[in-house]
Amino acid sequence: RAAQDSLMRPAVVLMVVAFLLAPCTSCHVSGLVVVLLALTCWSWLCRAQQATEEVGMSKEMKASYAICTELLFRHGRTYFAAASMMDQRSFLDTAAVYGVCRVADDYVDTLEDGAVRRAALSEFMEKFWAAWERGYGTTEDHPIMPATIDAILRRGYGKEIFECFFKSMMADTDVNICQTVADTVEYMEGSAAMIGDLMVPILMAECTPEQRAEALPHARDLGRAFQMTNFIRDIGEDIGLKRQYIPEEFCKKFGVVLSEKKHEAPEFKELMEHCFTFTDEYYKSAQLGIALLPGTAGLLIKVAADAYYKIHDEIRKMDYRIHDRRARVSFAQKMGVAVKVLG
């Protein structure tokens, strides 16, 4: 119930804001956008509640899936919107696998001492693997664990996927500077490419093994594309966490020291464009895989991919001032992408 209430809160707040804006004629457009966003959030909430009701499960399991759903809603609105259009089981399983990724990431994305972060992640990993071995998770392990282990084992994911994931997460418990392109790519294998391994079985459950195998490399590239966009957008934040995922190899090519934060320098802008070009290759591969997805799955993922790609355009619009603020794609822009893709 607490998780469901927390999902309802954003929609209620948005409706209150819309009500306050309504009397202001000059704000009528903003008010309309807020109302539309509120209604969208409300529909997502209803979808999440419906899914847990229609898929038979125990009270503890239902609560665990609700918490995973809350995490997806809070931290991945674009992905939540796409997932909410899946069938009930796929929607819940997407939330469950997102949950383990989110929780592990939260253990390392702090300003605490590296030893503290490492200990916290190690404890979570120990509980995760213990639950895997016994075949079920408990809320004593972690509130997400019943749902996460249930979805992972039922879907038949291999241990190597999560071993790779935890390896990349552990790298972030200390100073993590990628010196070469190979270093960046290796990190992304566990932090991003493995998302393709998680999502292909969900999105292509009714397809043949051959069809899934054909789509998998492109699905991994979509994960890499999203991650590279994050790396570019979050350069400033990552420096604060003693991380650099843009390879030094790129920086030296253009004579840029990222920690100096000289976004106005021509060399910095050239570096950014070089990173965009590098990332474009992943997006191009991803589009080939999206075309292989069945039914509405391809359309939903294309909306997410096209909307995320627009972050590059937003960085250009702000004259590459990524150290000042985070580049974001507005709700209206996302809606525009959806209308264009869905027709």
Protein backbone atom coordinates (compact mmCIF):
# COMPACT_ATOMS: atom_id res chain seq x y z
CA ARG A 1 0.00 0.00 0.00
CA ALA A 2 2.87 2.41 0.82
CA ALA A 3 4.43 1.77 -2.58
CA GLN A 4 1.11 2.30 -4.33
CA ASP A 5 0.53 5.53 -2.38
CA SER A 6 3.96 6.82 -3.42
CA LEU A 7 3.06 6.17 -7.05
CA MET A 8 -0.13 8.16 -6.64
CA ARG A 9 1.59 11.18 -5.12
CA PRO A 10 3.14 12.64 -8.33
CA ALA A 11 -0.19 12.53 -10.14
CA VAL A 12 -2.00 14.21 -7.26
CA VAL A 13 0.64 16.94 -6.98
CA LEU A 14 0.49 17.59 -10.72
CA MET A 15 -3.29 17.89 -10.61
CA VAL A 16 -3.04 20.43 -7.77
CA VAL A 17 -0.50 22.44 -9.77
CA ALA A 18 -2.81 22.33 -12.80
CA PHE A 19 -5.69 23.57 -10.63
CA LEU A 20 -3.60 26.49 -9.38
CA LEU A 21 -2.53 27.38 -12.91
CA ALA A 22 -6.02 27.15 -14.36
CA PRO A 23 -7.18 30.71 -13.41
CA CYS A 24 -4.11 32.21 -15.06
CA THR A 25 -4.88 32.83 -18.72
CA SER A 26 -1.22 33.30 -19.60
CA CYS A 27 -0.49 29.89 -18.11
CA HIS A 28 -3.25 27.97 -19.89
CA VAL A 29 -0.82 26.09 -22.14
CA SER A 30 1.42 25.10 -19.23
CA GLY A 31 -1.65 24.13 -17.26
CA LEU A 32 -2.86 21.89 -20.07
CA VAL A 33 0.52 20.17 -20.28
CA VAL A 34 0.50 19.60 -16.52
CA VAL A 35 -3.02 18.15 -16.67
CA LEU A 36 -2.00 15.79 -19.47
CA LEU A 37 1.07 14.73 -17.52
CA ALA A 38 -1.02 14.17 -14.40
CA LEU A 39 -3.51 12.04 -16.30
CA THR A 40 -0.64 10.07 -17.81
CA CYS A 41 0.86 9.42 -14.37
CA TRP A 42 -2.56 8.40 -13.10
CA SER A 43 -3.01 5.93 -15.95
CA TRP A 44 0.43 4.46 -15.21
CA LEU A 45 -0.55 4.05 -11.56
CA CYS A 46 -3.76 2.24 -12.51
CA ARG A 47 -1.82 0.00 -14.89
CA ALA A 48 0.65 -0.96 -12.16
CA GLN A 49 -2.11 -1.76 -9.68
CA GLN A 50 -4.03 -3.75 -12.29
CA ALA A 51 -0.97 -5.84 -13.12
CA THR A 52 -0.36 -6.93 -9.53
CA GLU A 53 -4.04 -7.82 -9.15
CA GLU A 54 -4.32 -9.86 -12.35
CA VAL A 55 -1.14 -11.90 -11.86
CA GLY A 56 -1.80 -14.26 -8.96
CA MET A 57 0.82 -13.95 -6.18
CA SER A 58 1.19 -13.94 -2.41
CA LYS A 59 0.84 -10.81 -0.32
CA GLU A 60 4.61 -10.61 0.24
CA MET A 61 5.32 -11.12 -3.45
CA LYS A 62 2.75 -8.51 -4.44
CA ALA A 63 4.34 -6.00 -2.07
CA SER A 64 7.78 -6.73 -3.49
CA TYR A 65 6.63 -6.22 -7.08
CA ALA A 66 4.92 -2.99 -6.00
CA ILE A 67 8.22 -1.69 -4.62
CA CYS A 68 10.03 -2.61 -7.86
CA THR A 69 7.29 -0.83 -9.78
CA GLU A 70 7.76 2.24 -7.58
CA LEU A 71 11.50 2.28 -8.30
CA LEU A 72 10.87 2.07 -12.04
CA PHE A 73 8.29 4.86 -11.82
CA ARG A 74 10.50 7.14 -9.74
CA HIS A 75 13.75 6.71 -11.62
CA GLY A 76 12.82 5.70 -15.16
CA ARG A 77 9.62 7.46 -16.23
CA THR A 78 10.24 6.92 -19.95
CA TYR A 79 10.86 3.21 -19.41
CA PHE A 80 7.90 2.94 -17.03
CA ALA A 81 5.60 4.45 -19.65
CA ALA A 82 6.77 1.95 -22.27
CA ALA A 83 6.62 -1.01 -19.86
CA SER A 84 3.10 -0.08 -18.73
CA MET A 85 1.86 -0.92 -22.23
CA MET A 86 3.15 -4.50 -22.03
CA ASP A 87 1.12 -7.46 -20.84
CA GLN A 88 0.87 -7.84 -17.07
CA ARG A 89 3.59 -10.44 -16.62
CA SER A 90 6.08 -8.65 -18.86
CA PHE A 91 5.40 -5.34 -17.13
CA LEU A 92 6.05 -6.79 -13.68
CA ASP A 93 9.14 -8.71 -14.76
CA THR A 94 10.59 -5.57 -16.32
CA ALA A 95 10.06 -3.74 -13.03
CA ALA A 96 11.63 -6.63 -11.10
CA VAL A 97 14.86 -6.79 -13.11
CA TYR A 98 15.05 -3.00 -13.06
CA GLY A 99 14.78 -3.18 -9.28
CA VAL A 100 18.01 -5.11 -8.77
CA CYS A 101 19.86 -2.77 -11.15
CA ARG A 102 18.49 0.32 -9.40
CA VAL A 103 19.26 -0.85 -5.88
CA ALA A 104 22.83 -1.92 -6.72
CA ASP A 105 23.45 1.36 -8.51
CA ASP A 106 22.16 3.33 -5.52
CA TYR A 107 24.67 1.61 -3.24
CA VAL A 108 27.58 2.98 -5.29
CA ASP A 109 26.17 6.35 -6.42
CA THR A 110 26.90 8.12 -3.15
CA LEU A 111 29.63 10.40 -1.79
CA GLU A 112 30.47 7.98 1.02
CA ASP A 113 33.93 6.50 1.39
CA GLY A 114 34.73 3.80 -1.14
CA ALA A 115 35.09 1.18 1.58
CA VAL A 116 31.57 1.93 2.83
CA ARG A 117 30.08 1.66 -0.65
CA ARG A 118 32.01 -1.52 -1.36
CA ALA A 119 30.80 -3.13 1.88
CA ALA A 120 27.17 -2.17 1.20
CA LEU A 121 27.26 -3.53 -2.36
CA SER A 122 29.06 -6.70 -1.24
CA GLU A 123 26.40 -7.37 1.38
CA PHE A 124 23.64 -6.91 -1.18
CA MET A 125 25.43 -9.20 -3.65
CA GLU A 126 25.86 -11.86 -0.97
CA LYS A 127 22.13 -11.81 -0.21
CA PHE A 128 21.28 -11.82 -3.92
CA TRP A 129 23.37 -14.92 -4.66
CA ALA A 130 22.12 -16.71 -1.54
CA ALA A 131 18.52 -16.09 -2.64
CA TRP A 132 19.41 -17.28 -6.16
CA GLU A 133 20.83 -20.55 -4.82
CA ARG A 134 17.88 -21.35 -2.57
CA GLY A 135 15.41 -20.44 -5.31
CA TYR A 136 13.52 -17.58 -3.66
CA GLY A 137 14.07 -14.20 -2.04
CA THR A 138 12.69 -12.79 1.18
CA THR A 139 11.93 -9.27 2.34
CA GLU A 140 14.56 -9.79 5.04
CA ASP A 141 17.14 -10.02 2.26
CA HIS A 142 15.79 -6.83 0.71
CA PRO A 143 12.24 -5.64 -0.10
CA ILE A 144 12.83 -6.14 -3.84
CA MET A 145 14.33 -9.60 -3.49
CA PRO A 146 11.16 -11.78 -3.64
CA ALA A 147 10.08 -10.21 -6.93
CA THR A 148 13.57 -9.98 -8.40
CA ILE A 149 14.50 -13.61 -7.77
CA ASP A 150 11.05 -14.79 -8.87
CA ALA A 151 11.33 -13.01 -12.22
CA ILE A 152 14.99 -13.89 -12.81
CA LEU A 153 14.61 -17.61 -12.16
CA ARG A 154 11.30 -17.92 -14.00
CA ARG A 155 12.80 -16.21 -17.06
CA GLY A 156 15.84 -18.49 -16.90
CA TYR A 157 18.50 -15.77 -16.98
CA GLY A 158 22.08 -16.99 -16.74
CA LYS A 159 24.26 -16.17 -13.74
CA GLU A 160 26.88 -14.68 -16.04
CA ILE A 161 24.57 -11.73 -16.81
CA PHE A 162 24.51 -10.64 -13.18
CA GLU A 163 28.15 -11.52 -12.55
CA CYS A 164 29.02 -9.09 -15.34
CA PHE A 165 26.64 -6.50 -13.93
CA PHE A 166 28.02 -6.67 -10.40
CA LYS A 167 31.59 -6.47 -11.72
CA SER A 168 30.83 -3.07 -13.28
CA MET A 169 28.99 -1.89 -10.18
CA MET A 170 31.93 -2.89 -7.98
CA ALA A 171 34.25 -0.83 -10.20
CA ASP A 172 32.27 2.24 -9.17
CA THR A 173 33.01 1.77 -5.47
CA ASP A 174 36.43 3.33 -6.05
CA VAL A 175 38.00 5.86 -8.39
CA ASN A 176 37.04 4.73 -11.90
CA ILE A 177 38.79 6.48 -14.79
CA CYS A 178 38.46 4.89 -18.23
CA GLN A 179 41.77 5.37 -20.00
CA THR A 180 40.88 3.75 -23.31
CA VAL A 181 37.82 3.06 -25.43
CA ALA A 182 38.26 -0.59 -24.49
CA ASP A 183 37.94 0.36 -20.80
CA THR A 184 34.67 2.19 -21.45
CA VAL A 185 33.28 -0.65 -23.54
CA GLU A 186 34.24 -3.21 -20.90
CA TYR A 187 32.46 -1.22 -18.21
CA MET A 188 29.35 -0.94 -20.38
CA GLU A 189 29.18 -4.71 -20.81
CA GLY A 190 28.00 -4.97 -17.22
CA SER A 191 26.33 -1.61 -16.77
CA ALA A 192 24.36 -1.41 -20.01
CA ALA A 193 24.78 -4.13 -22.64
CA MET A 194 23.40 -6.75 -20.26
CA ILE A 195 20.07 -4.91 -20.27
CA GLY A 196 19.63 -6.32 -23.77
CA ASP A 197 20.07 -9.83 -22.35
CA LEU A 198 17.34 -9.07 -19.80
CA MET A 199 14.83 -7.47 -22.15
CA VAL A 200 15.00 -9.62 -25.29
CA PRO A 201 13.41 -12.66 -23.54
CA ILE A 202 10.63 -10.40 -22.25
CA LEU A 203 9.95 -8.48 -25.46
CA MET A 204 10.35 -11.53 -27.72
CA ALA A 205 8.85 -14.23 -25.53
CA GLU A 206 6.77 -15.64 -28.40
CA CYS A 207 9.60 -15.55 -30.95
CA THR A 208 11.91 -18.39 -31.93
CA PRO A 209 15.38 -18.78 -30.38
CA GLU A 210 16.84 -17.87 -33.76
CA GLN A 211 14.87 -14.61 -33.88
CA ARG A 212 15.94 -13.68 -30.36
CA ALA A 213 19.57 -14.47 -31.18
CA GLU A 214 19.40 -12.18 -34.21
CA ALA A 215 18.01 -9.30 -32.17
CA LEU A 216 20.28 -9.69 -29.12
CA PRO A 217 23.43 -7.92 -30.42
CA HIS A 218 21.33 -4.92 -31.41
CA ALA A 219 19.53 -4.92 -28.05
CA ARG A 220 22.91 -4.84 -26.34
CA ASP A 221 23.88 -1.90 -28.54
CA LEU A 222 20.75 -0.03 -27.47
CA GLY A 223 21.88 -0.42 -23.86
CA ARG A 224 25.32 0.88 -24.83
CA ALA A 225 23.74 3.79 -26.73
CA PHE A 226 21.67 4.86 -23.71
CA GLN A 227 24.70 4.49 -21.45
CA MET A 228 26.97 6.56 -23.70
CA THR A 229 24.33 9.29 -23.77
CA ASN A 230 24.32 9.20 -19.97
CA PHE A 231 28.12 9.37 -19.87
CA ILE A 232 28.12 12.49 -22.07
CA ARG A 233 25.26 14.18 -20.23
CA ASP A 234 26.62 13.41 -16.75
CA ILE A 235 30.31 14.28 -17.18
CA GLY A 236 30.12 16.92 -14.45
CA GLU A 237 28.28 14.69 -11.96
CA ASP A 238 30.64 11.79 -12.58
CA ILE A 239 33.69 13.95 -11.91
CA GLY A 240 32.20 14.69 -8.49
CA LEU A 241 31.97 10.94 -7.88
CA LYS A 242 35.60 10.42 -9.03
CA ARG A 243 34.54 8.73 -12.23
CA GLN A 244 35.23 9.35 -15.89
CA TYR A 245 33.65 7.15 -18.50
CA ILE A 246 34.55 9.32 -21.50
CA PRO A 247 37.88 7.66 -22.32
CA GLU A 248 41.05 9.63 -21.74
CA GLU A 249 42.00 8.42 -25.18
CA PHE A 250 39.30 10.70 -26.62
CA CYS A 251 40.20 13.60 -24.31
CA LYS A 252 43.88 13.55 -25.22
CA LYS A 253 43.00 13.51 -28.91
CA PHE A 254 41.36 16.93 -28.48
CA GLY A 255 43.57 18.25 -25.69
CA VAL A 256 40.77 18.36 -23.13
CA VAL A 257 40.98 17.87 -19.36
CA LEU A 258 37.41 17.19 -18.27
CA SER A 259 37.98 18.20 -14.65
CA GLU A 260 38.76 21.76 -15.82
CA LYS A 261 35.12 22.11 -16.96
CA LYS A 262 35.94 24.40 -19.88
CA HIS A 263 32.75 23.85 -21.83
CA GLU A 264 33.24 27.08 -23.77
CA ALA A 265 36.50 25.89 -25.32
CA PRO A 266 36.30 24.85 -29.01
CA GLU A 267 38.25 21.71 -28.14
CA PHE A 268 35.60 20.65 -25.63
CA LYS A 269 32.82 21.07 -28.19
CA GLU A 270 34.83 19.03 -30.70
CA LEU A 271 35.21 16.31 -28.08
CA MET A 272 31.47 16.30 -27.45
CA GLU A 273 30.71 15.96 -31.15
CA HIS A 274 33.24 13.14 -31.40
CA CYS A 275 31.45 11.37 -28.55
CA PHE A 276 28.10 11.91 -30.28
CA THR A 277 29.44 10.37 -33.49
CA PHE A 278 30.80 7.40 -31.55
CA THR A 279 27.44 6.92 -29.82
CA ASP A 280 25.50 7.27 -33.09
CA GLU A 281 26.89 3.93 -34.24
CA TYR A 282 25.25 2.21 -31.29
CA TYR A 283 21.94 3.94 -32.00
CA LYS A 284 22.11 2.88 -35.67
CA SER A 285 22.64 -0.74 -34.67
CA ALA A 286 19.83 -0.47 -32.13
CA GLN A 287 17.38 0.67 -34.80
CA LEU A 288 18.09 -2.53 -36.76
CA GLY A 289 17.16 -4.55 -33.69
CA ILE A 290 14.06 -2.51 -32.96
CA ALA A 291 12.76 -3.42 -36.41
CA LEU A 292 12.96 -7.09 -35.39
CA LEU A 293 10.74 -6.69 -32.33
CA PRO A 294 7.20 -8.06 -32.69
CA GLY A 295 3.92 -6.19 -32.38
CA THR A 296 3.84 -2.99 -30.37
CA ALA A 297 7.13 -3.81 -28.63
CA GLY A 298 9.14 -2.33 -31.50
CA LEU A 299 7.10 0.86 -31.49
CA LEU A 300 7.44 1.31 -27.73
CA ILE A 301 11.20 0.82 -27.74
CA LYS A 302 11.58 3.11 -30.74
CA VAL A 303 9.76 5.87 -28.87
CA ALA A 304 12.13 5.43 -25.92
CA ALA A 305 15.23 5.34 -28.17
CA ASP A 306 14.24 8.36 -30.26
CA ALA A 307 13.32 10.37 -27.17
CA TYR A 308 16.59 9.54 -25.44
CA TYR A 309 18.61 10.42 -28.51
CA LYS A 310 17.18 13.93 -28.31
CA ILE A 311 19.36 14.52 -25.25
CA HIS A 312 22.18 15.08 -27.74
CA ASP A 313 20.19 17.87 -29.36
CA GLU A 314 19.48 19.43 -25.96
CA ILE A 315 23.19 19.45 -25.10
CA ARG A 316 23.88 21.31 -28.34
CA LYS A 317 21.08 23.79 -27.62
CA MET A 318 22.60 24.63 -24.24
CA ASP A 319 25.96 25.22 -25.96
CA TYR A 320 27.48 22.13 -24.32
CA ARG A 321 27.20 23.66 -20.83
CA ILE A 322 26.79 20.24 -19.25
CA HIS A 323 28.61 21.29 -16.07
CA ASP A 324 25.95 23.91 -15.30
CA ARG A 325 22.83 21.80 -15.54
CA ARG A 326 21.56 18.44 -16.76
CA ALA A 327 20.24 18.28 -20.31
CA ARG A 328 16.64 17.02 -20.34
CA VAL A 329 14.04 16.17 -22.94
CA SER A 330 10.75 17.79 -21.95
CA PHE A 331 7.47 15.94 -21.59
CA ALA A 332 6.12 17.82 -24.62
CA GLN A 333 9.10 16.68 -26.70
CA LYS A 334 8.60 13.08 -25.61
CA MET A 335 4.94 13.32 -26.55
CA GLY A 336 5.97 14.70 -29.94
CA VAL A 337 8.25 11.71 -30.48
CA ALA A 338 5.47 9.32 -29.49
CA VAL A 339 3.00 10.92 -31.88
CA LYS A 340 5.53 10.78 -34.71
CA VAL A 341 6.40 7.11 -34.10
CA LEU A 342 2.93 5.84 -33.31
CA GLY A 343 1.27 7.89 -36.02
